[in-house]
Amino acid sequence: MATPRTCVICEAALTWDGGNSRSQLCDSPNCESKFRRHLNCKWPCCRACGRPMGNYKTAPGFLSVCATSECQIKATAIRNPHAAFCRICGIYLSNHCDSGTQPVCQSPFCRRWDSSNTMAETQKIRAGTFMKRRSELEEIAQERARVLLPELSQDTLSQDTLSQDTLRKTIVLPYLEHNLKPSTPERRQKVEVGFLEIANVAYASNEELSPQPVTNSVQSDCELSPAAPSSLAPATDELFEQRFARLNGSACSTCGGRCCKLGSDHAFLRVDKFREIFRERPDATPEGIVAEYMARIPEESFEYSCIFHGLNGCSLTREQRSVTCNNYLCSSLELLRNHVWENTSKFLMAATNLRDDDIPELKVYRIKIVQDDHERMLESAPNDRISL
């Protein structure tokens, strides 16, 4: 008869049915927390039964086995040179030669931890690949800029050129092709019906809400962009915000507005936005507000993008846009913001296939030099409706 299994922390009996039939822990979060801390500290567990063996670190090659008779009997097999152990808890599994990787035991705890580690490692690899791709595209863009504008290799600096040092401030951006098409009546009708629905909901519920102050200040980007540096002070410097807004506009026009593709037929406009409008304009009606939005739809919009995404960017005013559209910064714009915060105002901007992982060949489609209020397009994509 098999010895009843018990939790390696609290010694409570483990059931043999359900999800924890192969677990070394009971259902107590406290036991899992203690066991996780033990493993994180690299403290040893018995290789036979999995129980923690004390708060000390073992020497390399040392196989810890507790003093129970059952574990001592297993000690010989555990010391077999072909023994395999769980890569999470270290418990003995079997005698076999594995193909270079440690297996994982059947414990749900170890399976979850291993899955989490695998995901974190995958994300780390992807981040490293992405940064390498960005760095390589920077070099390609800089070299192309030197060919297009030889003055970039000189130390002189004028209104229309950038110095050699400025090439180090290269902003690599995604790219969106100028594939504009007239919006169809069916799409316009779909947008109008959707906006009317949420506007009516906002109008009906607005009277039930107490008046709330509306602020138009730029909010923190931390919620929308995890790359926001913690060293940045709150956006209270008006001059800084003005400079960043100008350069942000130059960057987005260089890219073409790839993030706008997520706007689709809703532009991230929700009930809360329409409630805000009705609080500011108590005499407005849902039909009137929606009519103002419909009048903003450009004659041509980018295909498979936000319906308000036209050749000159977003056709909505900043006040009409959603909080998401006003505040979101992609990783490239985060880098730009950091440079502006460091009082940098001269940049080389390049629209590339940075985020097209399925295209291994690195490509640069647009190159622009920007200096304060002046910008100059050095190269544009074949289908672009802009002049150099």
Protein backbone atom coordinates (compact mmCIF):
# COMPACT_ATOMS: atom_id res chain seq x y z
CA MET A 1 0.00 0.00 0.00
CA ALA A 2 1.40 3.38 -1.03
CA THR A 3 2.27 5.87 1.67
CA PRO A 4 -0.27 8.73 1.74
CA ARG A 5 1.16 11.87 0.22
CA THR A 6 1.31 14.99 2.34
CA CYS A 7 2.00 18.66 1.69
CA VAL A 8 5.76 19.30 1.84
CA ILE A 9 5.12 22.44 3.91
CA CYS A 10 2.23 21.84 6.32
CA GLU A 11 2.12 18.02 6.18
CA ALA A 12 -1.63 18.04 5.38
CA ALA A 13 -2.81 14.98 3.46
CA LEU A 14 -3.11 15.47 -0.29
CA THR A 15 -6.14 14.12 -2.13
CA TRP A 16 -5.66 11.87 -5.13
CA ASP A 17 -8.51 13.30 -7.14
CA GLY A 18 -8.75 16.68 -8.77
CA GLY A 19 -5.99 18.95 -9.99
CA ASN A 20 -3.57 18.43 -7.07
CA SER A 21 -3.21 14.65 -7.34
CA ARG A 22 0.41 15.08 -8.43
CA SER A 23 1.14 18.19 -6.46
CA GLN A 24 3.62 18.44 -3.62
CA LEU A 25 1.54 21.22 -2.04
CA CYS A 26 -1.94 21.57 -0.58
CA ASP A 27 -4.37 24.27 -1.71
CA SER A 28 -3.14 26.79 0.85
CA PRO A 29 -1.68 29.98 -0.74
CA ASN A 30 0.51 30.30 2.35
CA CYS A 31 2.16 26.94 1.67
CA GLU A 32 2.76 27.83 -1.96
CA SER A 33 4.24 31.17 -0.95
CA LYS A 34 6.64 29.52 1.52
CA PHE A 35 7.69 26.87 -0.98
CA ARG A 36 8.24 29.47 -3.70
CA ARG A 37 10.38 31.56 -1.37
CA HIS A 38 12.45 28.49 -0.48
CA LEU A 39 13.13 27.76 -4.16
CA ASN A 40 13.81 31.40 -5.01
CA CYS A 41 16.46 31.49 -2.29
CA LYS A 42 18.15 28.47 -3.93
CA TRP A 43 17.75 26.47 -0.73
CA PRO A 44 17.76 22.68 -1.16
CA CYS A 45 14.84 20.26 -1.23
CA CYS A 46 15.03 16.52 -0.80
CA ARG A 47 15.58 15.05 -4.24
CA ALA A 48 13.39 12.06 -3.31
CA CYS A 49 10.31 13.53 -1.59
CA GLY A 50 10.61 17.23 -2.43
CA ARG A 51 10.50 18.54 1.15
CA PRO A 52 12.53 21.69 1.98
CA MET A 53 15.71 20.73 3.82
CA GLY A 54 16.82 23.92 5.48
CA ASN A 55 17.85 27.47 4.79
CA TYR A 56 21.30 26.87 3.35
CA LYS A 57 22.78 26.58 -0.13
CA THR A 58 24.28 23.36 -1.34
CA ALA A 59 27.64 22.99 -3.03
CA PRO A 60 27.65 22.29 -6.81
CA GLY A 61 27.05 18.61 -7.50
CA PHE A 62 25.68 17.91 -4.03
CA LEU A 63 22.50 15.80 -4.07
CA SER A 64 20.43 16.48 -0.99
CA VAL A 65 18.35 13.62 0.43
CA CYS A 66 16.49 13.78 3.72
CA ALA A 67 16.96 11.18 6.51
CA THR A 68 13.74 9.20 6.04
CA SER A 69 14.19 5.52 5.22
CA GLU A 70 12.24 5.75 1.94
CA CYS A 71 14.37 8.62 0.67
CA GLN A 72 17.59 6.92 1.74
CA ILE A 73 16.57 3.84 -0.25
CA LYS A 74 16.16 6.03 -3.33
CA ALA A 75 19.56 7.67 -2.77
CA THR A 76 21.40 5.10 -4.86
CA ALA A 77 19.19 5.65 -7.90
CA ILE A 78 19.33 9.42 -7.42
CA ARG A 79 23.12 9.36 -7.59
CA ASN A 80 22.96 7.58 -10.95
CA PRO A 81 24.82 9.71 -13.54
CA HIS A 82 21.80 9.45 -15.86
CA ALA A 83 19.28 10.60 -13.25
CA ALA A 84 16.79 13.26 -14.34
CA PHE A 85 15.39 15.93 -12.02
CA CYS A 86 12.59 18.49 -12.21
CA ARG A 87 14.12 21.83 -13.25
CA ILE A 88 11.80 23.68 -10.85
CA CYS A 89 11.67 21.77 -7.55
CA GLY A 90 14.61 19.43 -8.22
CA ILE A 91 12.79 16.21 -7.34
CA TYR A 92 14.08 12.95 -8.82
CA LEU A 93 12.11 11.76 -11.86
CA SER A 94 13.84 8.80 -13.52
CA ASN A 95 17.09 7.39 -14.86
CA HIS A 96 17.47 8.36 -18.46
CA CYS A 97 19.63 10.53 -20.69
CA ASP A 98 17.66 13.62 -21.61
CA SER A 99 18.34 15.59 -24.81
CA GLY A 100 20.17 18.43 -23.12
CA THR A 101 17.18 19.94 -21.26
CA GLN A 102 15.85 19.20 -17.82
CA PRO A 103 12.26 17.94 -17.66
CA VAL A 104 9.52 19.18 -15.37
CA CYS A 105 7.61 17.02 -12.91
CA GLN A 106 3.83 16.61 -13.08
CA SER A 107 3.15 19.01 -10.21
CA PRO A 108 0.75 21.83 -11.23
CA PHE A 109 2.90 24.22 -9.18
CA CYS A 110 6.05 23.36 -11.16
CA ARG A 111 4.16 23.36 -14.46
CA ARG A 112 2.83 26.88 -13.83
CA TRP A 113 6.21 28.16 -12.75
CA ASP A 114 7.94 26.62 -15.75
CA SER A 115 5.33 28.07 -18.09
CA SER A 116 5.85 31.50 -16.53
CA ASN A 117 9.63 31.18 -16.88
CA THR A 118 9.29 30.10 -20.49
CA MET A 119 7.04 33.06 -21.26
CA ALA A 120 9.42 35.49 -19.56
CA GLU A 121 12.38 34.04 -21.45
CA THR A 122 10.48 34.27 -24.73
CA GLN A 123 9.62 37.90 -24.06
CA LYS A 124 13.24 38.62 -23.18
CA ILE A 125 14.43 37.05 -26.43
CA ARG A 126 11.83 38.99 -28.42
CA ALA A 127 12.81 42.24 -26.72
CA GLY A 128 16.47 41.59 -27.51
CA THR A 129 15.64 40.78 -31.13
CA PHE A 130 13.52 43.92 -31.39
CA MET A 131 16.28 46.14 -29.97
CA LYS A 132 18.82 44.59 -32.33
CA ARG A 133 16.46 45.21 -35.26
CA ARG A 134 16.00 48.82 -34.16
CA SER A 135 19.77 49.35 -33.88
CA GLU A 136 20.43 47.89 -37.32
CA LEU A 137 17.70 50.06 -38.86
CA GLU A 138 19.25 53.12 -37.22
CA GLU A 139 22.54 52.40 -38.98
CA ILE A 140 20.80 51.82 -42.32
CA ALA A 141 18.84 55.07 -42.00
CA GLN A 142 21.94 57.05 -41.05
CA GLU A 143 23.93 55.68 -43.96
CA ARG A 144 21.10 56.40 -46.36
CA ALA A 145 20.79 59.95 -45.01
CA ARG A 146 24.50 60.56 -45.63
CA VAL A 147 24.05 59.48 -49.24
CA LEU A 148 21.00 61.70 -49.73
CA LEU A 149 22.50 64.69 -47.97
CA PRO A 150 26.32 64.74 -47.93
CA GLU A 151 26.32 67.74 -45.57
CA LEU A 152 25.36 65.33 -42.79
CA SER A 153 28.94 64.06 -42.80
CA GLN A 154 30.26 67.57 -42.11
CA ASP A 155 30.45 69.45 -38.85
CA THR A 156 28.50 72.45 -40.14
CA LEU A 157 24.97 73.05 -39.00
CA SER A 158 22.38 75.15 -40.82
CA GLN A 159 18.62 75.44 -40.89
CA ASP A 160 18.26 72.64 -43.44
CA THR A 161 20.94 70.22 -42.31
CA LEU A 162 21.93 68.27 -39.24
CA SER A 163 25.39 67.76 -37.83
CA GLN A 164 27.17 64.43 -37.61
CA ASP A 165 26.44 64.33 -33.88
CA THR A 166 22.72 64.68 -34.56
CA LEU A 167 22.70 61.40 -36.49
CA ARG A 168 23.04 59.68 -33.14
CA LYS A 169 19.54 60.98 -32.33
CA THR A 170 17.84 58.81 -34.90
CA ILE A 171 14.20 57.93 -34.26
CA VAL A 172 13.29 54.64 -35.93
CA LEU A 173 9.55 54.46 -36.55
CA PRO A 174 7.11 51.94 -38.02
CA TYR A 175 5.77 52.55 -41.51
CA LEU A 176 2.29 52.77 -42.99
CA GLU A 177 1.78 52.89 -46.73
CA HIS A 178 -0.29 55.70 -48.24
CA ASN A 179 -3.15 53.43 -49.27
CA LEU A 180 -5.99 55.95 -49.03
CA LYS A 181 -9.44 55.22 -50.37
CA PRO A 182 -12.79 57.03 -50.21
CA SER A 183 -14.91 55.86 -47.31
CA THR A 184 -18.00 53.98 -48.50
CA PRO A 185 -21.57 55.04 -47.60
CA GLU A 186 -21.97 51.71 -45.80
CA ARG A 187 -19.01 52.41 -43.58
CA ARG A 188 -20.17 55.94 -42.84
CA GLN A 189 -23.60 54.63 -41.88
CA LYS A 190 -22.05 52.01 -39.60
CA VAL A 191 -19.99 54.69 -37.85
CA GLU A 192 -22.97 57.02 -37.49
CA VAL A 193 -25.21 54.31 -36.03
CA GLY A 194 -22.50 53.26 -33.57
CA PHE A 195 -21.81 56.81 -32.42
CA LEU A 196 -25.51 57.59 -32.02
CA GLU A 197 -25.94 54.54 -29.85
CA ILE A 198 -23.22 55.46 -27.38
CA ALA A 199 -24.10 59.18 -27.54
CA ASN A 200 -27.71 58.42 -26.55
CA VAL A 201 -26.51 56.29 -23.66
CA ALA A 202 -24.21 59.08 -22.50
CA TYR A 203 -26.95 61.70 -22.86
CA ALA A 204 -29.49 59.63 -20.93
CA SER A 205 -27.15 58.88 -18.06
CA ASN A 206 -25.45 62.26 -17.91
CA GLU A 207 -28.20 63.86 -15.82
CA GLU A 208 -27.70 61.18 -13.18
CA LEU A 209 -24.04 62.09 -12.79
CA SER A 210 -22.88 64.99 -10.64
CA PRO A 211 -20.94 67.68 -12.48
CA GLN A 212 -17.27 66.77 -12.75
CA PRO A 213 -14.40 69.05 -13.68
CA VAL A 214 -12.92 68.33 -17.08
CA THR A 215 -9.18 68.64 -17.45
CA ASN A 216 -7.38 68.82 -20.76
CA SER A 217 -3.89 68.47 -19.34
CA VAL A 218 -1.70 65.72 -20.72
CA GLN A 219 -1.95 62.68 -18.46
CA SER A 220 0.85 60.31 -17.58
CA ASP A 221 1.78 57.84 -20.29
CA CYS A 222 2.62 55.11 -17.78
CA GLU A 223 -0.76 53.37 -18.02
CA LEU A 224 -0.63 53.17 -21.80
CA SER A 225 3.08 52.71 -22.41
CA PRO A 226 5.16 50.51 -20.11
CA ALA A 227 8.37 52.04 -21.44
CA ALA A 228 7.72 55.44 -19.75
CA PRO A 229 10.86 56.37 -17.76
CA SER A 230 10.30 56.81 -14.05
CA SER A 231 12.76 59.72 -14.00
CA LEU A 232 10.41 61.98 -15.96
CA ALA A 233 8.78 64.73 -13.97
CA PRO A 234 5.04 65.43 -14.42
CA ALA A 235 4.28 67.16 -17.71
CA THR A 236 3.94 70.65 -16.29
CA ASP A 237 6.58 72.44 -18.38
CA GLU A 238 4.57 74.18 -21.08
CA LEU A 239 7.61 74.77 -23.29
CA PHE A 240 8.59 71.12 -23.09
CA GLU A 241 5.07 70.02 -24.00
CA GLN A 242 4.95 72.39 -26.95
CA ARG A 243 8.29 71.19 -28.29
CA PHE A 244 7.37 67.56 -27.83
CA ALA A 245 3.98 68.10 -29.51
CA ARG A 246 5.68 69.57 -32.59
CA LEU A 247 8.24 66.79 -32.82
CA ASN A 248 5.60 64.19 -32.05
CA GLY A 249 3.61 65.43 -35.03
CA SER A 250 6.68 65.20 -37.25
CA ALA A 251 7.33 61.64 -36.10
CA CYS A 252 3.74 60.52 -36.66
CA SER A 253 3.66 62.04 -40.14
CA THR A 254 6.92 60.26 -40.95
CA CYS A 255 5.45 56.96 -39.77
CA GLY A 256 2.10 57.53 -41.45
CA GLY A 257 0.09 56.66 -38.36
CA ARG A 258 0.45 52.93 -37.99
CA CYS A 259 -1.06 52.85 -34.49
CA CYS A 260 -4.18 54.53 -35.90
CA LYS A 261 -5.05 51.24 -37.60
CA LEU A 262 -6.47 50.08 -34.26
CA GLY A 263 -9.04 52.90 -34.37
CA SER A 264 -11.12 51.10 -37.01
CA ASP A 265 -14.73 52.44 -37.00
CA HIS A 266 -14.81 53.47 -33.34
CA ALA A 267 -11.73 55.73 -32.92
CA PHE A 268 -11.63 54.55 -29.28
CA LEU A 269 -14.61 56.82 -28.57
CA ARG A 270 -16.68 55.48 -25.68
CA VAL A 271 -19.60 56.58 -23.53
CA ASP A 272 -17.31 58.42 -21.11
CA LYS A 273 -16.04 60.71 -23.88
CA PHE A 274 -19.56 61.69 -24.91
CA ARG A 275 -20.51 62.26 -21.26
CA GLU A 276 -17.57 64.65 -21.02
CA ILE A 277 -18.82 66.52 -24.10
CA PHE A 278 -22.33 66.82 -22.70
CA ARG A 279 -21.00 68.12 -19.38
CA GLU A 280 -19.09 70.83 -21.24
CA ARG A 281 -22.01 71.59 -23.57
CA PRO A 282 -25.30 71.03 -21.70
CA ASP A 283 -27.39 72.29 -24.64
CA ALA A 284 -25.91 69.80 -27.11
CA THR A 285 -27.92 66.86 -28.43
CA PRO A 286 -26.70 63.38 -29.42
CA GLU A 287 -27.66 64.01 -33.05
CA GLY A 288 -25.79 67.31 -33.11
CA ILE A 289 -22.61 65.94 -31.57
CA VAL A 290 -22.58 62.91 -33.87
CA ALA A 291 -23.15 65.18 -36.87
CA GLU A 292 -20.04 67.13 -35.90
CA TYR A 293 -18.02 63.92 -35.83
CA MET A 294 -19.42 62.75 -39.15
CA ALA A 295 -18.47 66.07 -40.74
CA ARG A 296 -14.87 65.39 -39.71
CA ILE A 297 -14.55 62.19 -41.75
CA PRO A 298 -12.06 62.95 -44.54
CA GLU A 299 -12.91 62.31 -48.17
CA GLU A 300 -10.23 59.62 -48.22
CA SER A 301 -9.13 57.47 -45.28
CA PHE A 302 -6.33 55.00 -44.91
CA GLU A 303 -7.53 51.53 -45.82
CA TYR A 304 -7.96 49.21 -42.82
CA SER A 305 -7.33 52.11 -40.45
CA CYS A 306 -9.36 54.58 -38.38
CA ILE A 307 -12.04 56.28 -40.45
CA PHE A 308 -10.73 59.68 -39.28
CA HIS A 309 -7.20 58.81 -40.44
CA GLY A 310 -6.61 60.91 -43.55
CA LEU A 311 -3.61 62.02 -45.58
CA ASN A 312 -2.81 64.82 -43.13
CA GLY A 313 -3.24 62.65 -40.07
CA CYS A 314 -6.19 62.65 -37.69
CA SER A 315 -9.04 64.85 -38.89
CA LEU A 316 -10.45 65.23 -35.37
CA THR A 317 -9.45 68.09 -33.11
CA ARG A 318 -7.55 67.17 -29.98
CA GLU A 319 -10.68 67.95 -27.94
CA GLN A 320 -12.72 65.50 -30.01
CA ARG A 321 -10.25 62.63 -29.73
CA SER A 322 -10.37 59.88 -27.15
CA VAL A 323 -8.06 59.78 -24.14
CA THR A 324 -6.28 56.84 -25.77
CA CYS A 325 -5.52 58.80 -28.94
CA ASN A 326 -4.35 61.86 -27.02
CA ASN A 327 -2.10 60.03 -24.58
CA TYR A 328 -0.75 56.87 -26.19
CA LEU A 329 2.93 56.79 -27.09
CA CYS A 330 4.55 53.91 -28.95
CA SER A 331 8.07 52.87 -27.95
CA SER A 332 9.56 55.10 -30.66
CA LEU A 333 7.70 58.14 -29.36
CA GLU A 334 8.79 57.29 -25.82
CA LEU A 335 12.40 57.49 -27.00
CA LEU A 336 11.64 60.78 -28.71
CA ARG A 337 10.08 62.11 -25.51
CA ASN A 338 13.19 61.15 -23.55
CA HIS A 339 15.41 63.01 -26.02
CA VAL A 340 13.20 66.11 -25.91
CA TRP A 341 13.31 66.00 -22.12
CA GLU A 342 17.11 66.06 -22.45
CA ASN A 343 16.72 69.28 -24.48
CA THR A 344 17.46 67.64 -27.83
CA SER A 345 15.65 69.26 -30.75
CA LYS A 346 17.47 67.95 -33.84
CA PHE A 347 16.61 64.49 -35.14
CA LEU A 348 16.79 62.13 -38.05
CA MET A 349 13.46 60.29 -38.37
CA ALA A 350 13.01 57.13 -40.41
CA ALA A 351 9.89 55.10 -41.21
CA THR A 352 10.92 51.45 -41.45
CA ASN A 353 9.64 47.89 -41.24
CA LEU A 354 10.62 47.86 -37.57
CA ARG A 355 7.53 45.91 -36.50
CA ASP A 356 7.23 43.68 -39.55
CA ASP A 357 8.89 40.64 -38.01
CA ASP A 358 7.70 38.48 -40.90
CA ILE A 359 9.95 40.49 -43.27
CA PRO A 360 13.56 39.64 -42.37
CA GLU A 361 15.02 42.15 -44.85
CA LEU A 362 15.42 45.52 -43.16
CA LYS A 363 13.88 48.39 -45.12
CA VAL A 364 13.72 52.17 -44.76
CA TYR A 365 10.80 53.84 -46.55
CA ARG A 366 10.87 57.48 -45.46
CA ILE A 367 13.64 59.67 -44.06
CA LYS A 368 13.10 63.12 -42.62
CA ILE A 369 15.38 65.58 -40.84
CA VAL A 370 13.79 67.73 -38.16
CA GLN A 371 15.26 70.73 -36.40
CA ASP A 372 13.03 72.74 -34.08
CA ASP A 373 10.20 74.09 -36.28
CA HIS A 374 11.90 73.09 -39.55
CA GLU A 375 11.66 69.72 -41.22
CA ARG A 376 12.74 68.34 -44.55
CA MET A 377 11.79 65.04 -46.18
CA LEU A 378 14.88 63.46 -47.72
CA GLU A 379 13.23 60.36 -49.12
CA SER A 380 9.66 59.07 -49.40
CA ALA A 381 8.06 55.78 -50.34
CA PRO A 382 7.02 55.22 -53.99
CA ASN A 383 3.27 55.52 -53.28
CA ASP A 384 3.53 58.54 -51.01
CA ARG A 385 1.40 61.56 -51.86
CA ILE A 386 3.98 64.00 -50.57
CA SER A 387 6.68 65.97 -52.30
CA LEU A 388 10.30 66.13 -51.17
